[in-house]
N, C-alpha and C. Protein backbone atom coordinates (compact mmCIF):
# COMPACT_ATOMS: atom_id res chain seq x y z
N UNK A 1 -10.83 13.19 -42.68
CA UNK A 1 -11.20 14.16 -41.63
C UNK A 1 -9.95 14.17 -40.72
N UNK A 2 -9.54 15.39 -40.47
CA UNK A 2 -8.35 15.41 -39.34
C UNK A 2 -8.91 15.30 -38.07
N UNK A 3 -8.41 14.17 -37.37
CA UNK A 3 -9.00 13.65 -36.03
C UNK A 3 -9.09 14.89 -35.02
N UNK A 4 -7.99 15.80 -35.02
CA UNK A 4 -8.01 16.79 -34.03
C UNK A 4 -8.96 17.95 -34.33
N UNK A 5 -9.43 18.18 -35.46
CA UNK A 5 -10.37 19.26 -35.65
C UNK A 5 -11.82 18.84 -35.59
N UNK A 6 -12.09 17.60 -35.52
CA UNK A 6 -13.47 17.24 -35.29
C UNK A 6 -14.37 17.62 -36.53
N UNK A 7 -15.63 17.40 -36.23
CA UNK A 7 -16.51 17.87 -37.30
C UNK A 7 -16.92 19.28 -37.10
N UNK A 8 -16.26 20.07 -37.96
CA UNK A 8 -16.42 21.62 -37.86
C UNK A 8 -17.81 22.05 -38.08
N UNK A 9 -18.52 21.56 -39.00
CA UNK A 9 -19.77 21.98 -39.36
C UNK A 9 -20.96 21.47 -38.31
N UNK A 10 -20.70 20.41 -37.71
CA UNK A 10 -21.62 19.90 -36.67
C UNK A 10 -21.80 20.98 -35.55
N UNK A 11 -20.69 21.44 -35.04
CA UNK A 11 -20.81 22.45 -33.97
C UNK A 11 -21.48 23.82 -34.51
N UNK A 12 -21.13 24.20 -35.72
CA UNK A 12 -21.61 25.27 -36.33
C UNK A 12 -23.21 25.30 -36.48
N UNK A 13 -23.67 24.12 -37.09
CA UNK A 13 -25.03 23.99 -37.35
C UNK A 13 -25.87 23.77 -36.10
N UNK A 14 -25.23 23.09 -35.17
CA UNK A 14 -25.96 22.84 -33.78
C UNK A 14 -26.20 24.26 -33.09
N UNK A 15 -25.08 24.97 -33.08
CA UNK A 15 -25.13 26.33 -32.41
C UNK A 15 -26.10 27.26 -33.14
N UNK A 16 -26.05 27.20 -34.54
CA UNK A 16 -26.90 28.08 -35.31
C UNK A 16 -28.53 27.72 -34.98
N UNK A 17 -28.75 26.54 -34.90
CA UNK A 17 -30.12 26.12 -34.58
C UNK A 17 -30.45 26.23 -33.06
N UNK A 18 -29.41 26.65 -32.30
CA UNK A 18 -29.68 26.85 -30.88
C UNK A 18 -30.14 25.61 -30.15
N UNK A 19 -29.46 24.44 -30.68
CA UNK A 19 -29.74 23.12 -29.99
C UNK A 19 -28.56 22.78 -28.96
N UNK A 20 -28.87 22.36 -27.86
CA UNK A 20 -27.85 21.89 -26.90
C UNK A 20 -27.33 20.42 -27.40
N UNK A 21 -26.23 20.14 -26.87
CA UNK A 21 -25.58 18.76 -27.19
C UNK A 21 -26.66 17.82 -26.69
N UNK A 22 -27.25 17.95 -25.44
CA UNK A 22 -28.11 17.06 -24.90
C UNK A 22 -29.34 16.91 -25.73
N UNK A 23 -29.94 17.84 -26.28
CA UNK A 23 -31.06 17.73 -27.08
C UNK A 23 -30.81 16.97 -28.30
N UNK A 24 -29.75 17.26 -29.04
CA UNK A 24 -29.39 16.46 -30.15
C UNK A 24 -29.13 15.04 -29.84
N UNK A 25 -28.38 14.77 -28.76
CA UNK A 25 -28.05 13.39 -28.35
C UNK A 25 -29.38 12.74 -28.08
N UNK A 26 -30.25 13.38 -27.36
CA UNK A 26 -31.50 12.48 -27.01
C UNK A 26 -32.38 12.35 -28.28
N UNK A 27 -32.51 13.38 -29.23
CA UNK A 27 -33.10 13.06 -30.38
C UNK A 27 -32.59 11.98 -31.19
N UNK A 28 -31.24 11.80 -31.14
CA UNK A 28 -30.63 10.80 -32.00
C UNK A 28 -30.33 9.53 -31.36
N UNK A 29 -30.63 9.44 -30.02
CA UNK A 29 -30.28 8.16 -29.20
C UNK A 29 -28.90 7.84 -29.11
N UNK A 30 -28.06 8.91 -28.94
CA UNK A 30 -26.72 8.69 -28.66
C UNK A 30 -26.38 9.37 -27.39
N UNK A 31 -25.16 9.27 -26.78
CA UNK A 31 -24.84 9.88 -25.56
C UNK A 31 -24.44 11.39 -25.94
N UNK A 32 -24.55 12.27 -24.96
CA UNK A 32 -24.03 13.53 -25.13
C UNK A 32 -22.43 13.52 -25.32
N UNK A 33 -21.85 12.59 -24.54
CA UNK A 33 -20.41 12.53 -24.67
C UNK A 33 -20.07 12.21 -26.11
N UNK A 34 -20.77 11.21 -26.68
CA UNK A 34 -20.43 10.91 -28.11
C UNK A 34 -20.50 12.00 -29.07
N UNK A 35 -21.53 12.83 -28.90
CA UNK A 35 -21.66 13.95 -29.73
C UNK A 35 -20.52 15.07 -29.55
N UNK A 36 -20.20 15.23 -28.14
CA UNK A 36 -19.09 16.07 -27.82
C UNK A 36 -17.80 15.53 -28.52
N UNK A 37 -17.49 14.27 -28.38
CA UNK A 37 -16.41 13.60 -29.03
C UNK A 37 -16.35 13.88 -30.63
N UNK A 38 -17.54 13.82 -31.30
CA UNK A 38 -17.62 14.00 -32.74
C UNK A 38 -17.12 15.51 -32.97
N UNK A 39 -17.74 16.45 -32.16
CA UNK A 39 -17.39 17.83 -32.36
C UNK A 39 -15.98 18.30 -32.10
N UNK A 40 -15.24 17.58 -31.08
CA UNK A 40 -13.96 17.96 -30.73
C UNK A 40 -12.89 17.04 -31.32
N UNK A 41 -13.23 16.07 -32.19
CA UNK A 41 -12.25 15.37 -32.87
C UNK A 41 -11.64 14.16 -32.00
N UNK A 42 -12.33 13.75 -30.88
CA UNK A 42 -11.82 12.72 -30.04
C UNK A 42 -12.39 11.36 -30.57
N UNK A 43 -13.44 11.44 -31.39
CA UNK A 43 -13.91 10.20 -31.99
C UNK A 43 -14.62 10.64 -33.36
N UNK A 44 -14.43 9.78 -34.39
CA UNK A 44 -14.91 9.98 -35.63
C UNK A 44 -16.33 9.15 -35.84
N UNK A 45 -17.43 9.77 -36.26
CA UNK A 45 -18.59 8.97 -36.57
C UNK A 45 -18.48 8.14 -37.80
N UNK A 46 -19.11 6.98 -37.72
CA UNK A 46 -19.09 6.11 -38.88
C UNK A 46 -20.00 6.69 -39.98
N UNK A 47 -20.10 6.13 -41.10
CA UNK A 47 -20.91 6.67 -42.35
C UNK A 47 -22.36 6.81 -41.95
N UNK A 48 -22.89 5.80 -41.28
CA UNK A 48 -24.27 5.63 -40.99
C UNK A 48 -24.66 6.91 -40.05
N UNK A 49 -23.84 7.18 -39.14
CA UNK A 49 -24.03 8.28 -38.16
C UNK A 49 -23.94 9.62 -38.94
N UNK A 50 -22.89 9.79 -39.81
CA UNK A 50 -22.79 10.95 -40.65
C UNK A 50 -24.16 11.26 -41.38
N UNK A 51 -24.67 10.05 -41.90
CA UNK A 51 -26.02 10.33 -42.77
C UNK A 51 -27.12 10.76 -41.78
N UNK A 52 -27.12 10.17 -40.52
CA UNK A 52 -28.17 10.52 -39.67
C UNK A 52 -28.04 11.99 -39.34
N UNK A 53 -26.85 12.41 -38.94
CA UNK A 53 -26.60 13.82 -38.62
C UNK A 53 -26.94 14.75 -39.80
N UNK A 54 -26.64 14.37 -41.00
CA UNK A 54 -26.87 15.12 -42.17
C UNK A 54 -28.36 15.28 -42.30
N UNK A 55 -29.17 14.26 -42.18
CA UNK A 55 -30.50 14.30 -42.32
C UNK A 55 -31.26 15.10 -41.21
N UNK A 56 -30.74 14.98 -39.90
CA UNK A 56 -31.23 15.53 -38.80
C UNK A 56 -31.14 17.10 -39.07
N UNK A 57 -29.99 17.59 -39.43
CA UNK A 57 -29.63 18.97 -39.49
C UNK A 57 -30.01 19.58 -40.95
N UNK A 58 -30.35 18.65 -41.80
CA UNK A 58 -30.65 19.02 -43.26
C UNK A 58 -29.46 19.84 -43.91
N UNK A 59 -28.24 19.21 -43.68
CA UNK A 59 -27.12 19.76 -44.45
C UNK A 59 -26.42 18.65 -44.95
N UNK A 60 -25.38 18.89 -45.86
CA UNK A 60 -24.63 17.77 -46.50
C UNK A 60 -23.50 17.25 -45.46
N UNK A 61 -23.20 16.06 -45.86
CA UNK A 61 -22.10 15.49 -45.06
C UNK A 61 -20.80 16.33 -45.13
N UNK A 62 -20.59 16.94 -46.42
CA UNK A 62 -19.50 17.79 -46.58
C UNK A 62 -19.55 18.98 -45.65
N UNK A 63 -20.73 19.57 -45.43
CA UNK A 63 -20.79 20.60 -44.50
C UNK A 63 -20.53 20.23 -42.93
N UNK A 64 -21.03 19.05 -42.73
CA UNK A 64 -20.73 18.56 -41.37
C UNK A 64 -19.21 18.43 -41.05
N UNK A 65 -18.56 17.85 -42.07
CA UNK A 65 -17.12 17.70 -41.82
C UNK A 65 -16.21 18.99 -42.01
N UNK A 66 -16.60 19.70 -43.09
CA UNK A 66 -15.76 20.88 -43.18
C UNK A 66 -16.17 22.24 -42.88
N UNK A 67 -17.35 22.33 -42.50
CA UNK A 67 -17.98 23.57 -42.06
C UNK A 67 -18.57 24.46 -43.25
N UNK A 68 -18.47 23.82 -44.55
CA UNK A 68 -18.81 24.62 -45.67
C UNK A 68 -19.31 23.65 -46.73
N UNK A 69 -20.04 24.04 -47.66
CA UNK A 69 -20.64 23.21 -48.72
C UNK A 69 -19.49 22.92 -49.76
N UNK A 70 -19.61 21.83 -50.34
CA UNK A 70 -18.67 21.43 -51.44
C UNK A 70 -18.58 22.49 -52.52
N UNK A 71 -17.34 22.80 -52.93
CA UNK A 71 -17.20 23.80 -53.97
C UNK A 71 -16.42 23.23 -55.11
N UNK A 72 -16.81 23.23 -56.29
CA UNK A 72 -16.07 22.72 -57.48
C UNK A 72 -15.01 23.69 -57.65
N UNK A 73 -13.95 23.03 -58.20
CA UNK A 73 -12.80 23.88 -58.48
C UNK A 73 -12.62 24.02 -60.00
C-alpha cells in the first residue's frame, strides 16, 4: 500500500454507507483519529485491523486497500 494514498476503499465504503468516522471508530473501539489516519495514509493498519474493517463493511481487504475488488489478469 502506498503510504500517501491511504486506504482508498475505506473512505469509499464508509461514505457509501453514510457512516461518520466517529460512528465507525466507536463501533470498532478505535479513535476517530486512527480511522482518519488510515483513510489518509498517515498510518497503516495491521493485518488484524484490516480483517476487522473487512468484516465490518462486508468487503474484501483488496477493496479496502485499492478501492476495487481483485481482478484476475
